[in-house]
Amino acid sequence: MVTTMNVDTGLPRMLPPIPQDKTEKTDIEVRKRNVFTVLINKSDKLLVRGEPMDVTVLREKTKEFVMNPNNDPNLSEMEEKEIPMVGKYNVSKGVVSLQNDRGTSYQMYMKVQNELVAAYNELRDDLSISIFGKKYDKLSKEEQDAVGKAIPQRISEAEPKNVGGKK
């Protein structure tokens, strides 16, 4: 028996580059404040940075974490960079780390994924409009690259776990 899926869409993710020297391991230290941990348990409940959260506020909290508008020491660090076509811009060092339980429903997993990606899309749209006067998806490839460097989409997914036992 052969099973096929009639789906022509997927989740766009950029994989890290292949290390030049495979024997050399690169340890990237990510400070705790730069990690926005999102856990989904088998009951489809969210735990974000150790606090219960409703999925309806996840997008705004993600945007707040990434942009850290008030320089909050509990949100992501920012690093000023000179970006061609953008100029000097404070780039977030933040990473969104998503992990779900094996019992998490597919609907909840996709809902959380959509909110996280939408947060980055809205931030990129805001910057695109302020600099180029149009939304991110209407920009040229070079303009999109510049905005992407200013607001890199850093979403990391860990292997699912059996946190709360079997569903």
Foldseek 3Di string as FASTA:
>chain_A
DDDDDPDDDDDDDDDDDDDPDPVDDDDDDDDPLQEFEWEQELVRWIQTPNRTDDLVCLLVVLLCQFCVPVVDPSGFAWDWDQFPLQGTATGTPHAYEYEYAPNHDPVSVVSNVVSLVVSLQVVLQVSCCVRVVGGLVPDDPSSVVRSCVRYPRHYHYDYHHNPPHHD
